[in-house]
Amino acid sequence: MLAIQHDDAAGGEIGRESTTPAGYDLPMSAEEERLLRKWVRGWVKAGPALEKIRRQEIRKLDTKAIQTVLRQFDDVFEDALRRLPSRKTSGLVEQQAWFRRLRR
């Protein structure tokens, strides 16, 4: 059975054993496996080409325009810091409490 392993730094690799949580490692047909392998090969092939395009686009950026935009965002951020009181918490604990209640 084909499984995608998520334990490497690159974000997963095709293998025969799975490290996915129980219930997520469902068997797939031979056709599904063939299509998945084809899909992965396509992305492996496309990755370097997409990276090359990304680097070319970064090199073409107008740095003066970017600096202007960053200064504008900085002004907005500084204004928000002045106007809005800081919070004691992020709200994550409260969110987790809501999820716990909903799970019951």
C-alpha atoms as a PDB file:
ATOM      1  CA  MET A   1       0.000   0.000   0.000  1.00  0.00           C
ATOM      2  CA  LEU A   2       1.258   3.502  -0.865  1.00  0.00           C
ATOM      3  CA  ALA A   3       1.552   6.054   1.903  1.00  0.00           C
ATOM      4  CA  ILE A   4       2.895   9.558   2.164  1.00  0.00           C
ATOM      5  CA  GLN A   5       5.395   9.963   4.969  1.00  0.00           C
ATOM      6  CA  HIS A   6       5.439  13.353   6.679  1.00  0.00           C
ATOM      7  CA  ASP A   7       8.516  12.901   8.828  1.00  0.00           C
ATOM      8  CA  ASP A   8      11.153  14.497   6.617  1.00  0.00           C
ATOM      9  CA  ALA A   9      12.006  18.182   6.303  1.00  0.00           C
ATOM     10  CA  ALA A  10      10.828  18.354   2.679  1.00  0.00           C
ATOM     11  CA  GLY A  11       7.210  17.752   3.680  1.00  0.00           C
ATOM     12  CA  GLY A  12       6.625  14.123   2.798  1.00  0.00           C
ATOM     13  CA  GLU A  13       7.857  11.410   0.542  1.00  0.00           C
ATOM     14  CA  ILE A  14       6.313   8.415  -1.144  1.00  0.00           C
ATOM     15  CA  GLY A  15       7.030   5.223   0.747  1.00  0.00           C
ATOM     16  CA  ARG A  16       5.644   1.912   1.885  1.00  0.00           C
ATOM     17  CA  GLU A  17       5.237   2.716   5.567  1.00  0.00           C
ATOM     18  CA  SER A  18       3.200   5.505   7.035  1.00  0.00           C
ATOM     19  CA  THR A  19       3.699   7.853   9.947  1.00  0.00           C
ATOM     20  CA  THR A  20       0.228   9.384   9.544  1.00  0.00           C
ATOM     21  CA  PRO A  21      -2.238   9.293  12.458  1.00  0.00           C
ATOM     22  CA  ALA A  22      -4.642   6.372  12.685  1.00  0.00           C
ATOM     23  CA  GLY A  23      -7.580   6.696  10.318  1.00  0.00           C
ATOM     24  CA  TYR A  24      -5.725   8.808   7.768  1.00  0.00           C
ATOM     25  CA  ASP A  25      -3.776   6.004   6.147  1.00  0.00           C
ATOM     26  CA  LEU A  26      -6.497   4.600   3.941  1.00  0.00           C
ATOM     27  CA  PRO A  27      -5.727   2.003   1.291  1.00  0.00           C
ATOM     28  CA  MET A  28      -5.855   3.111  -2.314  1.00  0.00           C
ATOM     29  CA  SER A  29      -6.435   1.265  -5.508  1.00  0.00           C
ATOM     30  CA  ALA A  30      -3.648   0.552  -7.986  1.00  0.00           C
ATOM     31  CA  GLU A  31      -5.084   3.256 -10.261  1.00  0.00           C
ATOM     32  CA  GLU A  32      -5.120   5.815  -7.430  1.00  0.00           C
ATOM     33  CA  GLU A  33      -1.529   4.895  -6.582  1.00  0.00           C
ATOM     34  CA  ARG A  34      -0.490   5.270 -10.225  1.00  0.00           C
ATOM     35  CA  LEU A  35      -2.140   8.690 -10.451  1.00  0.00           C
ATOM     36  CA  LEU A  36      -0.596   9.833  -7.174  1.00  0.00           C
ATOM     37  CA  ARG A  37       2.868   8.775  -8.302  1.00  0.00           C
ATOM     38  CA  LYS A  38       2.321  10.625 -11.599  1.00  0.00           C
ATOM     39  CA  TRP A  39       1.203  13.720  -9.700  1.00  0.00           C
ATOM     40  CA  VAL A  40       4.273  13.590  -7.433  1.00  0.00           C
ATOM     41  CA  ARG A  41       6.628  13.137 -10.404  1.00  0.00           C
ATOM     42  CA  GLY A  42       5.017  16.162 -12.057  1.00  0.00           C
ATOM     43  CA  TRP A  43       5.638  18.348  -9.003  1.00  0.00           C
ATOM     44  CA  VAL A  44       9.184  17.028  -8.591  1.00  0.00           C
ATOM     45  CA  LYS A  45       9.826  18.017 -12.204  1.00  0.00           C
ATOM     46  CA  ALA A  46       7.992  21.365 -11.964  1.00  0.00           C
ATOM     47  CA  GLY A  47       9.603  22.420  -8.664  1.00  0.00           C
ATOM     48  CA  PRO A  48      12.975  23.574 -10.039  1.00  0.00           C
ATOM     49  CA  ALA A  49      11.323  25.402 -12.950  1.00  0.00           C
ATOM     50  CA  LEU A  50       8.928  27.200 -10.600  1.00  0.00           C
ATOM     51  CA  GLU A  51      11.803  28.114  -8.294  1.00  0.00           C
ATOM     52  CA  LYS A  52      13.714  29.572 -11.258  1.00  0.00           C
ATOM     53  CA  ILE A  53      10.674  31.698 -12.222  1.00  0.00           C
ATOM     54  CA  ARG A  54      10.271  32.852  -8.600  1.00  0.00           C
ATOM     55  CA  ARG A  55      13.916  33.949  -8.407  1.00  0.00           C
ATOM     56  CA  GLN A  56      13.642  35.812 -11.739  1.00  0.00           C
ATOM     57  CA  GLU A  57      10.524  37.637 -10.530  1.00  0.00           C
ATOM     58  CA  ILE A  58      12.224  38.609  -7.270  1.00  0.00           C
ATOM     59  CA  ARG A  59      15.206  39.998  -9.185  1.00  0.00           C
ATOM     60  CA  LYS A  60      12.865  42.170 -11.305  1.00  0.00           C
ATOM     61  CA  LEU A  61      11.127  43.770  -8.305  1.00  0.00           C
ATOM     62  CA  ASP A  62      11.218  47.533  -7.955  1.00  0.00           C
ATOM     63  CA  THR A  63      12.923  47.905  -4.568  1.00  0.00           C
ATOM     64  CA  LYS A  64      12.063  51.611  -4.255  1.00  0.00           C
ATOM     65  CA  ALA A  65       8.346  50.839  -4.599  1.00  0.00           C
ATOM     66  CA  ILE A  66       8.663  48.057  -2.041  1.00  0.00           C
ATOM     67  CA  GLN A  67      10.394  50.405   0.406  1.00  0.00           C
ATOM     68  CA  THR A  68       7.591  52.949  -0.028  1.00  0.00           C
ATOM     69  CA  VAL A  69       4.924  50.342   0.663  1.00  0.00           C
ATOM     70  CA  LEU A  70       6.804  49.027   3.714  1.00  0.00           C
ATOM     71  CA  ARG A  71       7.080  52.560   5.120  1.00  0.00           C
ATOM     72  CA  GLN A  72       3.303  52.990   4.654  1.00  0.00           C
ATOM     73  CA  PHE A  73       2.612  49.695   6.422  1.00  0.00           C
ATOM     74  CA  ASP A  74       4.986  50.720   9.190  1.00  0.00           C
ATOM     75  CA  ASP A  75       3.004  53.930   9.696  1.00  0.00           C
ATOM     76  CA  VAL A  76      -0.260  51.974   9.892  1.00  0.00           C
ATOM     77  CA  PHE A  77       1.275  49.459  12.304  1.00  0.00           C
ATOM     78  CA  GLU A  78       2.655  52.185  14.576  1.00  0.00           C
ATOM     79  CA  ASP A  79      -0.749  53.912  14.578  1.00  0.00           C
ATOM     80  CA  ALA A  80      -2.471  50.661  15.551  1.00  0.00           C
ATOM     81  CA  LEU A  81      -0.010  50.187  18.416  1.00  0.00           C
ATOM     82  CA  ARG A  82      -0.848  53.679  19.688  1.00  0.00           C
ATOM     83  CA  ARG A  83      -4.627  53.340  19.354  1.00  0.00           C
ATOM     84  CA  LEU A  84      -5.333  49.736  20.332  1.00  0.00           C
ATOM     85  CA  PRO A  85      -4.606  48.454  23.826  1.00  0.00           C
ATOM     86  CA  SER A  86      -2.418  45.379  23.991  1.00  0.00           C
ATOM     87  CA  ARG A  87      -4.100  42.132  24.969  1.00  0.00           C
ATOM     88  CA  LYS A  88      -3.112  40.034  27.949  1.00  0.00           C
ATOM     89  CA  THR A  89      -3.640  36.796  25.960  1.00  0.00           C
ATOM     90  CA  SER A  90      -3.868  35.709  22.328  1.00  0.00           C
ATOM     91  CA  GLY A  91      -7.254  34.073  22.844  1.00  0.00           C
ATOM     92  CA  LEU A  92      -5.825  30.633  22.104  1.00  0.00           C
ATOM     93  CA  VAL A  93      -6.736  29.253  25.552  1.00  0.00           C
ATOM     94  CA  GLU A  94     -10.316  30.468  25.156  1.00  0.00           C
ATOM     95  CA  GLN A  95     -10.515  28.974  21.650  1.00  0.00           C
ATOM     96  CA  GLN A  96      -9.296  25.620  22.928  1.00  0.00           C
ATOM     97  CA  ALA A  97     -11.952  25.723  25.659  1.00  0.00           C
ATOM     98  CA  TRP A  98     -14.646  26.287  23.012  1.00  0.00           C
ATOM     99  CA  PHE A  99     -13.319  23.372  20.936  1.00  0.00           C
ATOM    100  CA  ARG A 100     -13.366  21.140  24.038  1.00  0.00           C
ATOM    101  CA  ARG A 101     -17.013  22.062  24.705  1.00  0.00           C
ATOM    102  CA  LEU A 102     -17.980  21.419  21.085  1.00  0.00           C
ATOM    103  CA  ARG A 103     -16.292  18.013  21.075  1.00  0.00           C
ATOM    104  CA  ARG A 104     -18.485  16.775  23.957  1.00  0.00           C
END
